Amino acid sequence: MECYRCGTCCKGFLAMVPKHASSNLSPWFLSGMEEKHGYDYISKYVEDNSELQGERCKWLVDEEDGTTTCSAQDRKSSDCLNYPNDDECRVGKLVMCRKD
C-alpha cells in the first residue's frame, strides 16, 4: 500500500509508542533483547519505555509541505509498524489523504 504521508494512521488510534526519544520499541530490537536478557528484563524495559497513545501520536511531525513524518521511525513499536492492516483504512487513505 502506498503511503501518502497524511498522518491519518497516527491520529486517534490506541497504540504503544516510545515514551522517550531514545526508547526503542521496534520488534527486532525487543526480540534481540529478550533473547539476550530474558522475558522479565524486556517486560520491564517495555513498561519503562512505552506509553499508550490514544490521541495524535506525539512523534508525528507536520512538515511545511503539508505531509507528515514520524520522528521515531526507526524505534516504532509493532503496533505502529503493523498499522494499518484493514480495508477501511486503505479506503480512507486513498479517499481522504490522496493529493491529486
Protein backbone atom coordinates (compact mmCIF):
# COMPACT_ATOMS: atom_id res chain seq x y z
CA MET A 1 0.00 0.00 0.00
CA GLU A 2 1.29 3.43 -0.91
CA CYS A 3 1.79 5.92 1.93
CA TYR A 4 0.52 9.43 1.23
CA ARG A 5 2.21 10.81 4.38
CA CYS A 6 -1.07 12.32 5.56
CA GLY A 7 -0.64 11.15 9.16
CA THR A 8 -4.15 9.70 9.41
CA CYS A 9 -2.86 6.37 10.70
CA CYS A 10 -1.07 8.17 13.57
CA LYS A 11 -4.08 10.18 14.73
CA GLY A 12 -6.73 8.86 17.09
CA PHE A 13 -5.71 5.23 17.46
CA LEU A 14 -4.57 3.34 20.56
CA ALA A 15 -1.01 2.09 20.30
CA MET A 16 2.08 1.55 22.37
CA VAL A 17 4.50 4.31 21.39
CA PRO A 18 8.02 5.24 22.59
CA LYS A 19 7.93 7.28 25.79
CA HIS A 20 11.31 8.93 25.20
CA ALA A 21 13.25 9.86 22.08
CA SER A 22 15.79 7.15 22.94
CA SER A 23 13.17 4.43 23.59
CA ASN A 24 13.38 1.62 21.06
CA LEU A 25 10.22 -0.46 20.68
CA SER A 26 10.91 -2.00 17.30
CA PRO A 27 10.12 -5.73 17.21
CA TRP A 28 13.66 -6.55 16.04
CA PHE A 29 15.27 -4.73 18.93
CA LEU A 30 12.90 -6.17 21.52
CA SER A 31 13.21 -9.76 20.32
CA GLY A 32 17.01 -9.46 20.38
CA MET A 33 16.91 -8.01 23.89
CA GLU A 34 14.58 -10.77 25.07
CA GLU A 35 16.87 -13.47 23.66
CA LYS A 36 19.86 -11.88 25.37
CA HIS A 37 18.34 -10.85 28.72
CA GLY A 38 15.08 -12.81 29.10
CA TYR A 39 11.38 -12.02 29.30
CA ASP A 40 11.39 -10.26 32.70
CA TYR A 41 14.07 -7.82 31.56
CA ILE A 42 12.29 -6.95 28.35
CA SER A 43 8.92 -6.62 30.11
CA LYS A 44 10.44 -4.06 32.47
CA TYR A 45 12.11 -2.27 29.54
CA VAL A 46 8.80 -2.01 27.65
CA GLU A 47 6.99 -0.81 30.79
CA ASP A 48 9.61 1.89 31.41
CA ASN A 49 9.96 2.98 27.78
CA SER A 50 6.44 2.95 26.34
CA GLU A 51 3.08 4.55 26.82
CA LEU A 52 -0.34 4.04 25.35
CA GLN A 53 -1.28 6.78 22.95
CA GLY A 54 -4.95 7.40 22.27
CA GLU A 55 -4.80 10.73 20.53
CA ARG A 56 -2.48 12.11 17.88
CA CYS A 57 0.90 10.43 18.29
CA LYS A 58 3.42 12.79 19.89
CA TRP A 59 6.10 11.67 17.42
CA LEU A 60 4.10 12.80 14.38
CA VAL A 61 5.70 15.86 12.76
CA ASP A 62 3.85 18.21 10.41
CA GLU A 63 6.10 19.24 7.54
CA GLU A 64 5.90 22.59 5.73
CA ASP A 65 4.74 20.88 2.53
CA GLY A 66 1.60 19.53 4.27
CA THR A 67 2.87 15.99 4.72
CA THR A 68 3.75 14.30 7.98
CA THR A 69 6.71 12.25 9.14
CA CYS A 70 7.44 10.03 12.11
CA SER A 71 10.29 11.26 14.26
CA ALA A 72 10.54 7.81 15.92
CA GLN A 73 10.53 5.87 12.63
CA ASP A 74 13.45 3.59 13.50
CA ARG A 75 12.21 2.92 17.05
CA LYS A 76 8.48 2.35 16.46
CA SER A 77 6.54 -0.40 18.20
CA SER A 78 4.94 -3.26 16.31
CA ASP A 79 1.56 -1.54 16.93
CA CYS A 80 2.74 1.30 14.72
CA LEU A 81 4.69 -0.80 12.22
CA ASN A 82 1.78 -3.18 11.60
CA TYR A 83 -0.90 -0.49 11.36
CA PRO A 84 -2.97 -0.29 9.18
CA ASN A 85 -3.96 -3.76 8.08
CA ASP A 86 -7.62 -3.36 7.19
CA ASP A 87 -9.61 -2.33 4.14
CA GLU A 88 -11.29 0.59 5.91
CA CYS A 89 -8.01 2.39 6.46
CA ARG A 90 -6.82 1.71 2.91
CA VAL A 91 -10.02 3.26 1.61
CA GLY A 92 -9.57 6.22 3.97
CA LYS A 93 -6.02 6.76 2.84
CA LEU A 94 -6.99 6.62 -0.81
CA VAL A 95 -10.04 8.86 -0.50
CA MET A 96 -9.15 11.31 2.28
CA CYS A 97 -5.40 11.68 2.01
CA ARG A 98 -4.54 11.44 -1.63
CA LYS A 99 -3.16 14.57 -3.21
CA ASP A 100 -4.36 14.98 -6.80
